[in-house]
Structure formats: structure tokens, C-alpha cells
Amino acid sequence: MSVARRRLLTIEEIRTALAENPKRIRSVTARLPAARLHAEPAADEWSANDVLAHLRACADVWGNAIATILAEDAPTLRGVNPRTWIRETNYPELKFRPSLRAYAEQRAGLLARLAELPPADWEHTATVHAWGQVYERSLHEYADQLARHEGIHVKQIESIVAAVR
């Protein structure tokens, strides 16, 4: 039995989402005092800063995969879970606004690399070894995953901000 693949976002949808997500976060958090950005809306829930730290780890992991696919012909990658990668960073301890600036700067770099990429290059692939399996993933799939995943967490930040106001 074959597994149905979901439709990937179009290249333009991905570029738009990746460009808008940092702006949406900046907009919704602009007037919130720093202490509130680090406040959990309820016990054992992520603060806006925790979500941003997670987004930065995802941007590192999946953005690095995209960069490697762009730089190398059919590379082989080791799958990395962003929740594991975050332990190698100081993202959760950083102040929110400087961390958001760093995230936005990293995003601007990724968007610059993707801006003039011809559609055929979005289909370049890597062989990925992860969690006991080997599979092939395209740059388009990584970018789609990044854009969709961020969209979920941007909505989460919007909810957190509403809860801690």
C-alpha cells in the first residue's frame, strides 16, 4: 500500500511564509515587556521565548540541510532532531529581542539564497540517514517543512502573548 504524500507549498508560498514569520513574531511581541516574553502562560507550557528558541533550532537544522543541498551535489546528511540540537545552543537562556534579531538575520540570509533559485534547483535532493532509516529529501521538502512548522509555532506565540498580557 502506498502512502499519499501531502501537497507541498508552492515556492512562492514558502518564500512568503519564511519572510513573514519573523515579522509576525516581531509585531505580536513588540509591546510586551521582556518579563512577559519569558513567562509561561500556564505551568509546564512554553513561554514565547521557549518557542522562539525552538524555532531557531529548527531554522539551524533544516536551514543547514538546505544550505548543504545547495552547496553539494546529492549530499548525504545525518538527520538531526531540532529538540536534540537545541541542547547544543544557549537559545533558551537568551533574551527574547536579541534572539529574535538573530533569527530574523539568519532568515534574511536563507531568503537571499532562495530568492533567485530556479525551480529545478528546489528539487535537488539529499540522502538522509535518520532514526534507523535512509530516505531522500529535496530542498523543496525541507523548505516546506520549515515554513509549515514555523506557521504552527507563530500561532502558538500569538496565543501565548494573548495569555500573558
C-alpha atoms as a PDB file:
ATOM      1  CA  MET A   1       0.000   0.000   0.000  1.00  0.00           C
ATOM      2  CA  SER A   2       1.416   3.418  -0.886  1.00  0.00           C
ATOM      3  CA  VAL A   3       1.288   6.356   1.437  1.00  0.00           C
ATOM      4  CA  ALA A   4      -0.221   9.512  -0.031  1.00  0.00           C
ATOM      5  CA  ARG A   5       2.132  12.485   0.048  1.00  0.00           C
ATOM      6  CA  ARG A   6       0.712  15.826   1.017  1.00  0.00           C
ATOM      7  CA  ARG A   7       0.915  18.683  -1.432  1.00  0.00           C
ATOM      8  CA  LEU A   8       3.981  20.794  -0.898  1.00  0.00           C
ATOM      9  CA  LEU A   9       3.542  24.522  -0.594  1.00  0.00           C
ATOM     10  CA  THR A  10       4.491  26.325  -3.769  1.00  0.00           C
ATOM     11  CA  ILE A  11       7.863  28.019  -3.938  1.00  0.00           C
ATOM     12  CA  GLU A  12       6.178  31.396  -3.654  1.00  0.00           C
ATOM     13  CA  GLU A  13       4.081  30.266  -0.653  1.00  0.00           C
ATOM     14  CA  ILE A  14       7.246  29.065   1.056  1.00  0.00           C
ATOM     15  CA  ARG A  15       9.179  32.258   0.352  1.00  0.00           C
ATOM     16  CA  THR A  16       6.260  34.353   1.588  1.00  0.00           C
ATOM     17  CA  ALA A  17       5.817  32.351   4.804  1.00  0.00           C
ATOM     18  CA  LEU A  18       9.535  32.309   5.550  1.00  0.00           C
ATOM     19  CA  ALA A  19       9.691  36.082   5.056  1.00  0.00           C
ATOM     20  CA  GLU A  20       6.552  36.838   7.067  1.00  0.00           C
ATOM     21  CA  ASN A  21       7.066  34.607  10.117  1.00  0.00           C
ATOM     22  CA  PRO A  22       9.801  36.709  11.798  1.00  0.00           C
ATOM     23  CA  LYS A  23       7.761  39.862  11.071  1.00  0.00           C
ATOM     24  CA  ARG A  24       4.639  38.329  12.624  1.00  0.00           C
ATOM     25  CA  ILE A  25       6.580  37.401  15.746  1.00  0.00           C
ATOM     26  CA  ARG A  26       8.094  40.886  15.989  1.00  0.00           C
ATOM     27  CA  SER A  27       4.687  42.509  15.528  1.00  0.00           C
ATOM     28  CA  VAL A  28       2.831  40.447  18.113  1.00  0.00           C
ATOM     29  CA  THR A  29       5.589  40.769  20.737  1.00  0.00           C
ATOM     30  CA  ALA A  30       6.596  44.397  20.138  1.00  0.00           C
ATOM     31  CA  ARG A  31       4.719  45.931  23.065  1.00  0.00           C
ATOM     32  CA  LEU A  32       5.131  43.100  25.521  1.00  0.00           C
ATOM     33  CA  PRO A  33       7.540  43.677  28.430  1.00  0.00           C
ATOM     34  CA  ALA A  34      10.588  41.396  28.395  1.00  0.00           C
ATOM     35  CA  ALA A  35       9.482  39.562  31.550  1.00  0.00           C
ATOM     36  CA  ARG A  36       6.219  38.560  29.869  1.00  0.00           C
ATOM     37  CA  LEU A  37       8.100  37.110  26.884  1.00  0.00           C
ATOM     38  CA  HIS A  38       9.792  34.689  29.280  1.00  0.00           C
ATOM     39  CA  ALA A  39       6.617  33.920  31.257  1.00  0.00           C
ATOM     40  CA  GLU A  40       4.881  30.576  30.839  1.00  0.00           C
ATOM     41  CA  PRO A  41       1.155  31.021  30.161  1.00  0.00           C
ATOM     42  CA  ALA A  42       0.477  28.034  32.436  1.00  0.00           C
ATOM     43  CA  ALA A  43       2.564  25.544  34.396  1.00  0.00           C
ATOM     44  CA  ASP A  44       4.761  23.375  32.156  1.00  0.00           C
ATOM     45  CA  GLU A  45       3.902  25.321  28.998  1.00  0.00           C
ATOM     46  CA  TRP A  46       6.397  27.063  26.754  1.00  0.00           C
ATOM     47  CA  SER A  47       6.925  30.791  27.018  1.00  0.00           C
ATOM     48  CA  ALA A  48       7.198  32.921  23.874  1.00  0.00           C
ATOM     49  CA  ASN A  49      10.962  32.787  24.414  1.00  0.00           C
ATOM     50  CA  ASP A  50      10.887  28.976  24.595  1.00  0.00           C
ATOM     51  CA  VAL A  51       9.005  28.816  21.291  1.00  0.00           C
ATOM     52  CA  LEU A  52      11.446  31.244  19.687  1.00  0.00           C
ATOM     53  CA  ALA A  53      14.369  29.108  20.913  1.00  0.00           C
ATOM     54  CA  HIS A  54      12.711  26.070  19.319  1.00  0.00           C
ATOM     55  CA  LEU A  55      12.169  27.964  16.055  1.00  0.00           C
ATOM     56  CA  ARG A  56      15.827  28.963  15.999  1.00  0.00           C
ATOM     57  CA  ALA A  57      16.893  25.342  16.491  1.00  0.00           C
ATOM     58  CA  CYS A  58      14.600  24.251  13.638  1.00  0.00           C
ATOM     59  CA  ALA A  59      15.972  27.038  11.441  1.00  0.00           C
ATOM     60  CA  ASP A  60      19.501  25.848  12.216  1.00  0.00           C
ATOM     61  CA  VAL A  61      18.836  22.191  11.495  1.00  0.00           C
ATOM     62  CA  TRP A  62      16.614  22.489   8.429  1.00  0.00           C
ATOM     63  CA  GLY A  63      18.337  25.634   7.149  1.00  0.00           C
ATOM     64  CA  ASN A  64      21.687  23.842   7.319  1.00  0.00           C
ATOM     65  CA  ALA A  65      20.209  20.938   5.363  1.00  0.00           C
ATOM     66  CA  ILE A  66      19.007  23.396   2.711  1.00  0.00           C
ATOM     67  CA  ALA A  67      22.421  25.072   2.583  1.00  0.00           C
ATOM     68  CA  THR A  68      24.161  21.709   2.190  1.00  0.00           C
ATOM     69  CA  ILE A  69      21.817  20.673  -0.618  1.00  0.00           C
ATOM     70  CA  LEU A  70      22.588  23.975  -2.357  1.00  0.00           C
ATOM     71  CA  ALA A  71      26.338  23.610  -1.877  1.00  0.00           C
ATOM     72  CA  GLU A  72      26.821  19.947  -2.741  1.00  0.00           C
ATOM     73  CA  ASP A  73      25.627  17.596  -5.442  1.00  0.00           C
ATOM     74  CA  ALA A  74      23.365  14.942  -3.866  1.00  0.00           C
ATOM     75  CA  PRO A  75      24.877  15.124  -0.352  1.00  0.00           C
ATOM     76  CA  THR A  76      24.388  12.570   2.384  1.00  0.00           C
ATOM     77  CA  LEU A  77      23.072  14.055   5.630  1.00  0.00           C
ATOM     78  CA  ARG A  78      22.605  12.751   9.128  1.00  0.00           C
ATOM     79  CA  GLY A  79      19.141  13.597  10.392  1.00  0.00           C
ATOM     80  CA  VAL A  80      19.164  15.845  13.443  1.00  0.00           C
ATOM     81  CA  ASN A  81      16.187  16.451  15.681  1.00  0.00           C
ATOM     82  CA  PRO A  82      15.867  20.181  16.499  1.00  0.00           C
ATOM     83  CA  ARG A  83      14.876  19.246  20.064  1.00  0.00           C
ATOM     84  CA  THR A  84      18.222  17.485  20.413  1.00  0.00           C
ATOM     85  CA  TRP A  85      20.140  20.265  18.651  1.00  0.00           C
ATOM     86  CA  ILE A  86      18.752  22.946  20.975  1.00  0.00           C
ATOM     87  CA  ARG A  87      20.718  21.373  23.834  1.00  0.00           C
ATOM     88  CA  GLU A  88      23.897  22.369  21.958  1.00  0.00           C
ATOM     89  CA  THR A  89      22.812  26.023  21.969  1.00  0.00           C
ATOM     90  CA  ASN A  90      22.119  28.730  24.515  1.00  0.00           C
ATOM     91  CA  TYR A  91      18.901  29.785  22.775  1.00  0.00           C
ATOM     92  CA  PRO A  92      16.554  29.121  25.725  1.00  0.00           C
ATOM     93  CA  GLU A  93      18.658  31.350  28.006  1.00  0.00           C
ATOM     94  CA  LEU A  94      18.936  34.307  25.621  1.00  0.00           C
ATOM     95  CA  LYS A  95      16.894  37.459  25.968  1.00  0.00           C
ATOM     96  CA  PHE A  96      13.961  37.459  23.572  1.00  0.00           C
ATOM     97  CA  ARG A  97      14.595  40.565  21.475  1.00  0.00           C
ATOM     98  CA  PRO A  98      18.281  39.897  20.644  1.00  0.00           C
ATOM     99  CA  SER A  99      17.354  36.289  19.904  1.00  0.00           C
ATOM    100  CA  LEU A 100      14.568  37.437  17.578  1.00  0.00           C
ATOM    101  CA  ARG A 101      17.017  39.759  15.798  1.00  0.00           C
ATOM    102  CA  ALA A 102      19.441  36.863  15.290  1.00  0.00           C
ATOM    103  CA  TYR A 103      16.609  34.671  13.994  1.00  0.00           C
ATOM    104  CA  ALA A 104      15.499  37.396  11.565  1.00  0.00           C
ATOM    105  CA  GLU A 105      19.079  37.906  10.340  1.00  0.00           C
ATOM    106  CA  GLN A 106      19.532  34.181   9.785  1.00  0.00           C
ATOM    107  CA  ARG A 107      16.229  34.125   7.914  1.00  0.00           C
ATOM    108  CA  ALA A 108      17.278  37.031   5.695  1.00  0.00           C
ATOM    109  CA  GLY A 109      20.368  35.027   4.718  1.00  0.00           C
ATOM    110  CA  LEU A 110      18.296  31.965   3.848  1.00  0.00           C
ATOM    111  CA  LEU A 111      15.831  34.036   1.826  1.00  0.00           C
ATOM    112  CA  ALA A 112      18.693  35.665  -0.085  1.00  0.00           C
ATOM    113  CA  ARG A 113      19.951  32.196  -1.066  1.00  0.00           C
ATOM    114  CA  LEU A 114      16.470  31.088  -2.117  1.00  0.00           C
ATOM    115  CA  ALA A 115      15.472  34.316  -3.885  1.00  0.00           C
ATOM    116  CA  GLU A 116      16.955  33.646  -7.284  1.00  0.00           C
ATOM    117  CA  LEU A 117      16.945  29.868  -7.149  1.00  0.00           C
ATOM    118  CA  PRO A 118      15.431  28.388 -10.317  1.00  0.00           C
ATOM    119  CA  PRO A 119      12.516  25.975  -9.742  1.00  0.00           C
ATOM    120  CA  ALA A 120      14.573  22.967 -10.864  1.00  0.00           C
ATOM    121  CA  ASP A 121      17.085  23.597  -8.062  1.00  0.00           C
ATOM    122  CA  TRP A 122      14.303  23.239  -5.483  1.00  0.00           C
ATOM    123  CA  GLU A 123      14.134  19.574  -6.466  1.00  0.00           C
ATOM    124  CA  HIS A 124      17.794  18.862  -5.649  1.00  0.00           C
ATOM    125  CA  THR A 125      17.946  16.142  -3.029  1.00  0.00           C
ATOM    126  CA  ALA A 126      19.994  14.722  -0.213  1.00  0.00           C
ATOM    127  CA  THR A 127      20.143  11.196   1.107  1.00  0.00           C
ATOM    128  CA  VAL A 128      19.233  11.393   4.783  1.00  0.00           C
ATOM    129  CA  HIS A 129      20.168   8.834   7.422  1.00  0.00           C
ATOM    130  CA  ALA A 130      17.892   9.273  10.403  1.00  0.00           C
ATOM    131  CA  TRP A 131      16.350   7.164  13.102  1.00  0.00           C
ATOM    132  CA  GLY A 132      17.426   3.878  11.539  1.00  0.00           C
ATOM    133  CA  GLN A 133      16.132   4.721   8.078  1.00  0.00           C
ATOM    134  CA  VAL A 134      17.545   6.100   4.851  1.00  0.00           C
ATOM    135  CA  TYR A 135      15.424   8.334   2.681  1.00  0.00           C
ATOM    136  CA  GLU A 136      15.687  11.084   0.097  1.00  0.00           C
ATOM    137  CA  ARG A 137      14.551  14.650   0.797  1.00  0.00           C
ATOM    138  CA  SER A 138      14.512  17.596  -1.550  1.00  0.00           C
ATOM    139  CA  LEU A 139      15.341  21.184  -0.793  1.00  0.00           C
ATOM    140  CA  HIS A 140      11.661  21.890  -1.522  1.00  0.00           C
ATOM    141  CA  GLU A 141      10.600  19.391   1.146  1.00  0.00           C
ATOM    142  CA  TYR A 142      12.939  20.903   3.756  1.00  0.00           C
ATOM    143  CA  ALA A 143      11.753  24.432   2.968  1.00  0.00           C
ATOM    144  CA  ASP A 144       8.113  23.313   3.077  1.00  0.00           C
ATOM    145  CA  GLN A 145       8.673  21.650   6.445  1.00  0.00           C
ATOM    146  CA  LEU A 146      10.332  24.772   7.828  1.00  0.00           C
ATOM    147  CA  ALA A 147       7.571  27.096   6.608  1.00  0.00           C
ATOM    148  CA  ARG A 148       4.691  24.887   7.817  1.00  0.00           C
ATOM    149  CA  HIS A 149       6.288  24.121  11.181  1.00  0.00           C
ATOM    150  CA  GLU A 150       7.006  27.777  11.832  1.00  0.00           C
ATOM    151  CA  GLY A 151       3.451  28.746  10.977  1.00  0.00           C
ATOM    152  CA  ILE A 152       2.162  26.487  13.739  1.00  0.00           C
ATOM    153  CA  HIS A 153       4.559  27.977  16.270  1.00  0.00           C
ATOM    154  CA  VAL A 154       3.923  31.577  15.220  1.00  0.00           C
ATOM    155  CA  LYS A 155       0.251  30.962  16.045  1.00  0.00           C
ATOM    156  CA  GLN A 156       1.415  29.465  19.341  1.00  0.00           C
ATOM    157  CA  ILE A 157       3.368  32.643  20.137  1.00  0.00           C
ATOM    158  CA  GLU A 158       0.297  34.717  19.297  1.00  0.00           C
ATOM    159  CA  SER A 159      -1.740  32.624  21.770  1.00  0.00           C
ATOM    160  CA  ILE A 160       0.947  32.866  24.442  1.00  0.00           C
ATOM    161  CA  VAL A 161       1.132  36.644  24.095  1.00  0.00           C
ATOM    162  CA  ALA A 162      -2.643  36.883  24.473  1.00  0.00           C
ATOM    163  CA  ALA A 163      -2.491  34.699  27.589  1.00  0.00           C
ATOM    164  CA  VAL A 164       0.320  36.587  29.367  1.00  0.00           C
ATOM    165  CA  ARG A 165      -0.818  40.151  28.614  1.00  0.00           C
END
